[in-house]
Amino acid sequence: MSFLFLLGSSRPGGNTEALARLAAEHLPADVDQTWLQLSELRLDPFRDVRHDGDGVYPPAVGDEQVLLDATLAATDLVIASPLYWFSVSTSVKLFLDYWSAWMRVPGVEFRDRMRGKTMWAITAHTAKKPAEVEPLLGTLRLTADYLDMNWGGELLAYGNRPGEAITADGVLERSRQLFAGRELARA
């Protein structure tokens, strides 16, 4: 098992990252964890070339290759994105946009290699109603479904001020339970 934590906050160390780290503490010690701060990766703006020429994308290079390799190596992808304007953060959206390219890079076989992986969501939000978080969750659930991935679940918590999300009612128990249903490999 290999969990890839994709941190999509615009600032490191925020509420969403704290929630992700709290949940990760409850994974068995023998489960591999990789952490990537998406805002620190240098990715060009996504350009859709599906209808230009042969529609084939060039191979990934630099930080894009790092991100692709980590994505393909993971069994589980944990998208840790705050709720920004009722959706995922810009860096998470850019990451997902690159999936369109990776499906069209010869030899990568991205779609086939994503099938069966599990996607999770961790989100700090300031929503007044639970329905306000649904567009973010819907984006991730539909993305997982599109590539025949499993939906693992989500950890949501209200958090505005630094540190507020991990002290919210019930967060500690929900963080313990997030990955509990996943059969985790033991060495």
Protein backbone atom coordinates (compact mmCIF):
# COMPACT_ATOMS: atom_id res chain seq x y z
CA MET A 1 0.00 0.00 0.00
CA SER A 2 1.18 3.47 -0.83
CA PHE A 3 -0.72 6.62 0.10
CA LEU A 4 -0.04 9.81 -1.84
CA PHE A 5 -1.12 12.92 0.07
CA LEU A 6 -1.63 15.82 -2.34
CA LEU A 7 -1.73 19.06 -0.40
CA GLY A 8 -3.73 21.65 -2.29
CA SER A 9 -3.68 24.60 0.09
CA SER A 10 -2.37 27.95 -1.03
CA ARG A 11 -0.30 28.10 2.16
CA PRO A 12 1.57 25.28 3.90
CA GLY A 13 0.64 24.20 7.40
CA GLY A 14 -3.00 25.24 7.21
CA ASN A 15 -6.11 23.56 8.53
CA THR A 16 -6.48 21.11 5.64
CA GLU A 17 -2.88 19.94 5.92
CA ALA A 18 -3.30 19.56 9.70
CA LEU A 19 -6.37 17.38 9.10
CA ALA A 20 -4.46 15.26 6.58
CA ARG A 21 -1.55 14.77 8.97
CA LEU A 22 -3.95 13.85 11.78
CA ALA A 23 -5.64 11.21 9.61
CA ALA A 24 -2.28 9.88 8.39
CA GLU A 25 -1.22 9.27 12.01
CA HIS A 26 -3.79 6.48 12.10
CA LEU A 27 -2.32 4.57 9.16
CA PRO A 28 -0.21 1.56 10.09
CA ALA A 29 3.52 2.31 10.24
CA ASP A 30 4.24 -0.04 7.34
CA VAL A 31 2.00 1.85 4.89
CA ASP A 32 4.13 4.03 2.61
CA GLN A 33 3.27 7.72 2.62
CA THR A 34 4.34 10.32 0.09
CA TRP A 35 3.48 13.98 0.63
CA LEU A 36 3.47 16.58 -2.15
CA GLN A 37 2.65 20.26 -1.69
CA LEU A 38 1.07 21.01 -5.08
CA SER A 39 1.74 24.75 -4.87
CA GLU A 40 5.49 24.05 -4.67
CA LEU A 41 5.55 22.09 -7.93
CA ARG A 42 6.34 24.12 -10.99
CA LEU A 43 3.63 23.20 -13.49
CA ASP A 44 2.78 25.17 -16.58
CA PRO A 45 -0.84 26.19 -17.01
CA PHE A 46 -2.69 23.29 -18.59
CA ARG A 47 -3.20 23.59 -22.33
CA ASP A 48 -5.78 21.38 -24.04
CA VAL A 49 -4.28 20.10 -27.30
CA ARG A 50 -6.67 17.21 -27.89
CA HIS A 51 -7.90 18.81 -31.11
CA ASP A 52 -4.54 20.14 -32.33
CA GLY A 53 -2.86 17.92 -34.88
CA ASP A 54 -2.82 14.34 -33.65
CA GLY A 55 -4.02 15.30 -30.14
CA VAL A 56 -1.07 13.55 -28.52
CA TYR A 57 0.56 15.19 -25.51
CA PRO A 58 4.32 15.25 -25.02
CA PRO A 59 5.91 13.16 -22.29
CA ALA A 60 5.98 14.71 -18.83
CA VAL A 61 9.17 16.42 -17.70
CA GLY A 62 10.42 18.09 -14.51
CA ASP A 63 7.89 18.51 -11.72
CA GLU A 64 5.12 17.20 -13.97
CA GLN A 65 7.05 13.91 -14.22
CA VAL A 66 7.51 13.87 -10.43
CA LEU A 67 3.76 14.29 -9.99
CA LEU A 68 2.89 11.68 -12.62
CA ASP A 69 5.30 9.13 -11.16
CA ALA A 70 3.97 9.66 -7.63
CA THR A 71 0.38 9.39 -8.86
CA LEU A 72 1.00 6.15 -10.70
CA ALA A 73 3.02 4.63 -7.84
CA ALA A 74 0.28 5.19 -5.25
CA THR A 75 -2.52 2.79 -4.44
CA ASP A 76 -4.41 5.58 -2.68
CA LEU A 77 -4.63 9.27 -3.52
CA VAL A 78 -5.63 11.61 -0.71
CA ILE A 79 -6.70 14.97 -2.08
CA ALA A 80 -6.30 17.49 0.73
CA SER A 81 -7.91 20.67 -0.55
CA PRO A 82 -9.57 23.45 1.35
CA LEU A 83 -12.95 24.50 0.08
CA TYR A 84 -12.21 27.48 -2.16
CA TRP A 85 -15.28 29.09 -3.71
CA PHE A 86 -17.27 25.87 -3.31
CA SER A 87 -14.72 23.73 -5.13
CA VAL A 88 -11.19 22.37 -5.04
CA SER A 89 -8.22 24.71 -4.91
CA THR A 90 -6.50 25.95 -8.06
CA SER A 91 -3.53 23.62 -7.57
CA VAL A 92 -5.79 20.57 -7.22
CA LYS A 93 -7.76 21.59 -10.30
CA LEU A 94 -4.52 21.96 -12.25
CA PHE A 95 -3.43 18.50 -11.06
CA LEU A 96 -6.72 17.02 -12.29
CA ASP A 97 -6.45 18.91 -15.59
CA TYR A 98 -3.12 17.19 -16.20
CA TRP A 99 -4.91 13.86 -16.06
CA SER A 100 -6.41 14.77 -19.46
CA ALA A 101 -2.90 15.05 -20.85
CA TRP A 102 -1.57 11.92 -19.17
CA MET A 103 -4.39 9.86 -20.71
CA ARG A 104 -3.01 10.89 -24.10
CA VAL A 105 0.74 10.45 -23.62
CA PRO A 106 1.84 7.37 -25.58
CA GLY A 107 3.03 4.55 -23.36
CA VAL A 108 1.77 5.96 -20.05
CA GLU A 109 -1.54 4.01 -20.07
CA PHE A 110 -2.80 6.40 -17.40
CA ARG A 111 -6.46 5.35 -17.47
CA ASP A 112 -5.63 1.65 -17.11
CA ARG A 113 -3.10 2.29 -14.36
CA MET A 114 -5.52 4.43 -12.34
CA ARG A 115 -8.27 1.80 -12.39
CA GLY A 116 -8.79 0.28 -8.95
CA LYS A 117 -6.87 2.92 -6.99
CA THR A 118 -8.73 4.61 -4.15
CA MET A 119 -9.36 8.35 -3.87
CA TRP A 120 -10.01 10.16 -0.59
CA ALA A 121 -10.86 13.78 0.25
CA ILE A 122 -9.77 15.86 3.23
CA THR A 123 -11.17 19.37 3.49
CA ALA A 124 -11.21 22.24 5.91
CA HIS A 125 -14.02 24.62 5.15
CA THR A 126 -15.98 27.56 6.45
CA ALA A 127 -19.28 26.45 4.92
CA LYS A 128 -22.41 27.29 6.84
CA LYS A 129 -24.31 24.34 5.36
CA PRO A 130 -22.95 20.86 4.50
CA ALA A 131 -24.37 21.18 0.98
CA GLU A 132 -21.83 23.93 0.29
CA VAL A 133 -19.02 21.35 0.43
CA GLU A 134 -20.75 19.02 -2.03
CA PRO A 135 -19.39 20.61 -5.24
CA LEU A 136 -15.82 19.87 -4.08
CA LEU A 137 -16.72 16.31 -3.11
CA GLY A 138 -18.66 15.84 -6.33
CA THR A 139 -15.66 16.89 -8.40
CA LEU A 140 -13.49 14.29 -6.72
CA ARG A 141 -16.10 11.50 -6.67
CA LEU A 142 -16.91 11.99 -10.34
CA THR A 143 -13.20 12.07 -11.23
CA ALA A 144 -12.65 8.80 -9.38
CA ASP A 145 -15.70 7.25 -11.03
CA TYR A 146 -14.59 8.39 -14.49
CA LEU A 147 -11.35 6.42 -14.14
CA ASP A 148 -12.93 3.40 -12.40
CA MET A 149 -11.28 4.29 -9.11
CA ASN A 150 -12.77 3.53 -5.72
CA TRP A 151 -14.12 6.28 -3.50
CA GLY A 152 -12.64 5.88 -0.02
CA GLY A 153 -14.47 8.66 1.79
CA GLU A 154 -13.88 12.10 3.19
CA LEU A 155 -12.82 13.92 6.31
CA LEU A 156 -14.43 17.34 6.62
CA ALA A 157 -14.03 19.90 9.37
CA TYR A 158 -14.86 23.54 9.91
CA GLY A 159 -11.71 25.58 10.20
CA ASN A 160 -11.18 29.26 9.67
CA ARG A 161 -8.45 30.33 12.09
CA PRO A 162 -5.15 28.38 12.15
CA GLY A 163 -5.51 25.12 14.10
CA GLU A 164 -9.28 25.38 14.34
CA ALA A 165 -10.14 22.37 12.15
CA ILE A 166 -8.30 19.77 14.22
CA THR A 167 -10.07 20.91 17.39
CA ALA A 168 -13.57 20.81 15.87
CA ASP A 169 -16.12 18.52 17.50
CA GLY A 170 -15.65 14.89 16.55
CA VAL A 171 -12.62 15.45 14.31
CA LEU A 172 -10.27 13.19 16.23
CA GLU A 173 -12.67 10.24 16.02
CA ARG A 174 -13.51 10.93 12.36
CA SER A 175 -9.77 11.10 11.56
CA ARG A 176 -9.30 7.69 13.23
CA GLN A 177 -12.14 6.24 11.19
CA LEU A 178 -11.27 7.69 7.77
CA PHE A 179 -8.94 4.94 6.63
CA ALA A 180 -10.25 2.28 9.05
CA GLY A 181 -12.45 0.62 6.45
CA ARG A 182 -9.54 0.18 4.03
CA GLU A 183 -7.83 -3.18 4.25
CA LEU A 184 -4.29 -2.05 4.78
CA ALA A 185 -1.38 -4.28 3.87
CA ARG A 186 0.90 -5.38 6.64
CA ALA A 187 4.55 -6.23 6.04
